[in-house]
Amino acid sequence: MKKSKNVMESLSIEIINPKAKTLLRNLAAMNLIQIKNQPSLASMLAMLRRNEAQVPSLEEITQEVEFVRQARYE
């Protein structure tokens, strides 16, 4: 008899019937599956915008690009 390998697989599931969520939670309680919440688009945007004050201006970016170009061609 061949040994079966444990292969971890990720799936994205859309729950149509609320009873399915209960079933999934029961499977997780039996350590058969692990449920991970994915962040929403709004929370991801909020995380990205958290450092917005540190973003360089267009002028600063242009100056840096010109500096690198000069250094490259000298």
N, C-alpha and C. Protein backbone atom coordinates (compact mmCIF):
# COMPACT_ATOMS: atom_id res chain seq x y z
N MET A 1 0.84 -1.17 0.00
CA MET A 1 0.00 0.00 0.00
C MET A 1 0.89 1.24 0.00
N LYS A 2 0.56 2.22 -0.83
CA LYS A 2 1.34 3.45 -0.93
C LYS A 2 1.01 4.38 0.23
N LYS A 3 2.03 5.11 0.66
CA LYS A 3 1.81 6.13 1.68
C LYS A 3 1.20 7.36 1.03
N SER A 4 0.21 7.92 1.66
CA SER A 4 -0.38 9.15 1.13
C SER A 4 0.36 10.34 1.71
N LYS A 5 0.63 11.30 0.87
CA LYS A 5 1.31 12.51 1.30
C LYS A 5 0.27 13.55 1.69
N ASN A 6 0.55 14.26 2.78
CA ASN A 6 -0.34 15.34 3.18
C ASN A 6 -0.01 16.55 2.32
N VAL A 7 -0.96 16.96 1.53
CA VAL A 7 -0.78 18.10 0.66
C VAL A 7 -1.71 19.21 1.14
N MET A 8 -1.11 20.36 1.44
CA MET A 8 -1.93 21.49 1.87
C MET A 8 -2.42 22.22 0.62
N GLU A 9 -3.68 22.51 0.61
CA GLU A 9 -4.30 23.17 -0.54
C GLU A 9 -5.14 24.32 -0.04
N SER A 10 -5.09 25.44 -0.73
CA SER A 10 -5.89 26.61 -0.36
C SER A 10 -7.03 26.76 -1.35
N LEU A 11 -8.19 27.06 -0.81
CA LEU A 11 -9.38 27.25 -1.63
C LEU A 11 -10.08 28.53 -1.22
N SER A 12 -10.74 29.14 -2.17
CA SER A 12 -11.58 30.29 -1.89
C SER A 12 -13.03 29.81 -2.03
N ILE A 13 -13.81 30.01 -1.00
CA ILE A 13 -15.16 29.46 -0.97
C ILE A 13 -16.17 30.58 -0.79
N GLU A 14 -17.23 30.56 -1.59
CA GLU A 14 -18.36 31.47 -1.41
C GLU A 14 -19.47 30.70 -0.72
N ILE A 15 -19.89 31.18 0.43
CA ILE A 15 -20.91 30.48 1.20
C ILE A 15 -22.28 30.96 0.75
N ILE A 16 -23.08 30.03 0.29
CA ILE A 16 -24.43 30.33 -0.19
C ILE A 16 -25.45 30.11 0.93
N ASN A 17 -25.29 29.01 1.64
CA ASN A 17 -26.21 28.66 2.71
C ASN A 17 -25.49 28.85 4.04
N PRO A 18 -26.09 29.57 5.00
CA PRO A 18 -25.43 29.79 6.29
C PRO A 18 -25.07 28.50 7.04
N LYS A 19 -25.76 27.40 6.75
CA LYS A 19 -25.45 26.12 7.38
C LYS A 19 -24.05 25.65 7.00
N ALA A 20 -23.59 26.04 5.82
CA ALA A 20 -22.26 25.64 5.38
C ALA A 20 -21.18 26.25 6.27
N LYS A 21 -21.43 27.46 6.75
CA LYS A 21 -20.46 28.11 7.65
C LYS A 21 -20.34 27.31 8.95
N THR A 22 -21.44 26.81 9.44
CA THR A 22 -21.43 25.98 10.64
C THR A 22 -20.62 24.70 10.39
N LEU A 23 -20.83 24.10 9.24
CA LEU A 23 -20.08 22.89 8.89
C LEU A 23 -18.58 23.17 8.83
N LEU A 24 -18.21 24.29 8.24
CA LEU A 24 -16.80 24.65 8.15
C LEU A 24 -16.21 24.88 9.53
N ARG A 25 -16.95 25.53 10.40
CA ARG A 25 -16.47 25.76 11.78
C ARG A 25 -16.30 24.44 12.53
N ASN A 26 -17.21 23.50 12.28
CA ASN A 26 -17.09 22.17 12.91
C ASN A 26 -15.84 21.45 12.40
N LEU A 27 -15.56 21.54 11.11
CA LEU A 27 -14.35 20.93 10.56
C LEU A 27 -13.09 21.57 11.15
N ALA A 28 -13.14 22.87 11.35
CA ALA A 28 -12.01 23.56 11.97
C ALA A 28 -11.83 23.12 13.42
N ALA A 29 -12.93 22.91 14.13
CA ALA A 29 -12.86 22.46 15.52
C ALA A 29 -12.24 21.07 15.63
N MET A 30 -12.41 20.25 14.58
CA MET A 30 -11.82 18.91 14.56
C MET A 30 -10.39 18.93 14.01
N ASN A 31 -9.85 20.13 13.78
CA ASN A 31 -8.50 20.31 13.22
C ASN A 31 -8.34 19.63 11.86
N LEU A 32 -9.40 19.62 11.09
CA LEU A 32 -9.34 19.10 9.73
C LEU A 32 -9.05 20.20 8.72
N ILE A 33 -9.49 21.41 9.04
CA ILE A 33 -9.23 22.56 8.18
C ILE A 33 -8.86 23.74 9.07
N GLN A 34 -8.31 24.76 8.44
CA GLN A 34 -8.00 26.00 9.14
C GLN A 34 -8.67 27.13 8.38
N ILE A 35 -9.38 27.97 9.10
CA ILE A 35 -10.09 29.09 8.48
C ILE A 35 -9.29 30.35 8.72
N LYS A 36 -8.98 31.05 7.63
CA LYS A 36 -8.26 32.32 7.71
C LYS A 36 -9.11 33.39 7.03
N ASN A 37 -9.32 34.48 7.73
CA ASN A 37 -10.05 35.59 7.13
C ASN A 37 -9.11 36.41 6.27
N GLN A 38 -9.57 36.78 5.10
CA GLN A 38 -8.78 37.62 4.23
C GLN A 38 -9.21 39.07 4.44
N PRO A 39 -8.25 39.98 4.47
CA PRO A 39 -8.61 41.38 4.69
C PRO A 39 -9.44 41.92 3.51
N SER A 40 -10.34 42.81 3.85
CA SER A 40 -11.16 43.43 2.82
C SER A 40 -10.34 44.46 2.05
N LEU A 41 -10.83 44.86 0.91
CA LEU A 41 -10.15 45.87 0.10
C LEU A 41 -10.03 47.18 0.88
N ALA A 42 -11.06 47.54 1.61
CA ALA A 42 -11.04 48.79 2.37
C ALA A 42 -9.95 48.76 3.44
N SER A 43 -9.80 47.62 4.13
CA SER A 43 -8.77 47.55 5.17
C SER A 43 -7.37 47.54 4.56
N MET A 44 -7.22 46.93 3.39
CA MET A 44 -5.92 46.94 2.72
C MET A 44 -5.55 48.36 2.27
N LEU A 45 -6.52 49.10 1.74
CA LEU A 45 -6.26 50.48 1.34
C LEU A 45 -5.90 51.34 2.55
N ALA A 46 -6.59 51.12 3.65
CA ALA A 46 -6.29 51.88 4.87
C ALA A 46 -4.88 51.60 5.34
N MET A 47 -4.45 50.35 5.24
CA MET A 47 -3.10 49.98 5.64
C MET A 47 -2.06 50.65 4.73
N LEU A 48 -2.33 50.66 3.44
CA LEU A 48 -1.40 51.28 2.49
C LEU A 48 -1.33 52.79 2.66
N ARG A 49 -2.45 53.39 2.98
CA ARG A 49 -2.51 54.85 3.12
C ARG A 49 -2.01 55.34 4.47
N ARG A 50 -1.73 54.42 5.37
CA ARG A 50 -1.27 54.79 6.70
C ARG A 50 0.04 55.58 6.63
N ASN A 51 0.90 55.27 5.66
CA ASN A 51 2.19 55.93 5.52
C ASN A 51 2.16 57.03 4.46
N GLU A 52 1.00 57.52 4.15
CA GLU A 52 0.83 58.50 3.09
C GLU A 52 1.63 59.78 3.33
N ALA A 53 1.82 60.16 4.58
CA ALA A 53 2.56 61.38 4.90
C ALA A 53 4.03 61.26 4.51
N GLN A 54 4.53 60.05 4.38
CA GLN A 54 5.93 59.84 4.06
C GLN A 54 6.19 59.72 2.57
N VAL A 55 5.18 59.83 1.77
CA VAL A 55 5.32 59.68 0.32
C VAL A 55 6.06 60.90 -0.24
N PRO A 56 7.12 60.68 -1.05
CA PRO A 56 7.84 61.82 -1.63
C PRO A 56 6.98 62.54 -2.66
N SER A 57 7.25 63.83 -2.82
CA SER A 57 6.51 64.61 -3.81
C SER A 57 7.02 64.26 -5.21
N LEU A 58 6.26 64.68 -6.20
CA LEU A 58 6.65 64.44 -7.59
C LEU A 58 7.99 65.12 -7.89
N GLU A 59 8.20 66.28 -7.33
CA GLU A 59 9.46 67.01 -7.53
C GLU A 59 10.64 66.23 -6.94
N GLU A 60 10.45 65.66 -5.76
CA GLU A 60 11.53 64.88 -5.13
C GLU A 60 11.85 63.63 -5.95
N ILE A 61 10.83 62.99 -6.47
CA ILE A 61 11.03 61.80 -7.30
C ILE A 61 11.78 62.18 -8.57
N THR A 62 11.39 63.28 -9.19
CA THR A 62 12.04 63.74 -10.42
C THR A 62 13.51 64.05 -10.17
N GLN A 63 13.81 64.70 -9.07
CA GLN A 63 15.20 65.02 -8.73
C GLN A 63 16.02 63.74 -8.54
N GLU A 64 15.46 62.77 -7.89
CA GLU A 64 16.18 61.51 -7.66
C GLU A 64 16.44 60.78 -8.97
N VAL A 65 15.45 60.77 -9.86
CA VAL A 65 15.61 60.13 -11.17
C VAL A 65 16.71 60.82 -11.96
N GLU A 66 16.71 62.13 -11.97
CA GLU A 66 17.75 62.89 -12.69
C GLU A 66 19.13 62.61 -12.11
N PHE A 67 19.21 62.52 -10.78
CA PHE A 67 20.48 62.24 -10.13
C PHE A 67 21.01 60.86 -10.55
N VAL A 68 20.15 59.86 -10.57
CA VAL A 68 20.55 58.51 -10.96
C VAL A 68 20.95 58.48 -12.43
N ARG A 69 20.22 59.17 -13.27
CA ARG A 69 20.56 59.20 -14.70
C ARG A 69 21.93 59.85 -14.93
N GLN A 70 22.21 60.94 -14.23
CA GLN A 70 23.51 61.60 -14.37
C GLN A 70 24.63 60.67 -13.92
N ALA A 71 24.42 59.97 -12.82
CA ALA A 71 25.46 59.08 -12.30
C ALA A 71 25.69 57.92 -13.26
N ARG A 72 24.65 57.46 -13.91
CA ARG A 72 24.76 56.33 -14.83
C ARG A 72 25.55 56.71 -16.07
N TYR A 73 25.36 57.89 -16.59
CA TYR A 73 25.97 58.27 -17.87
C TYR A 73 27.29 59.02 -17.73
N GLU A 74 27.81 59.15 -16.54
CA GLU A 74 29.10 59.83 -16.36
C GLU A 74 30.23 58.86 -16.44
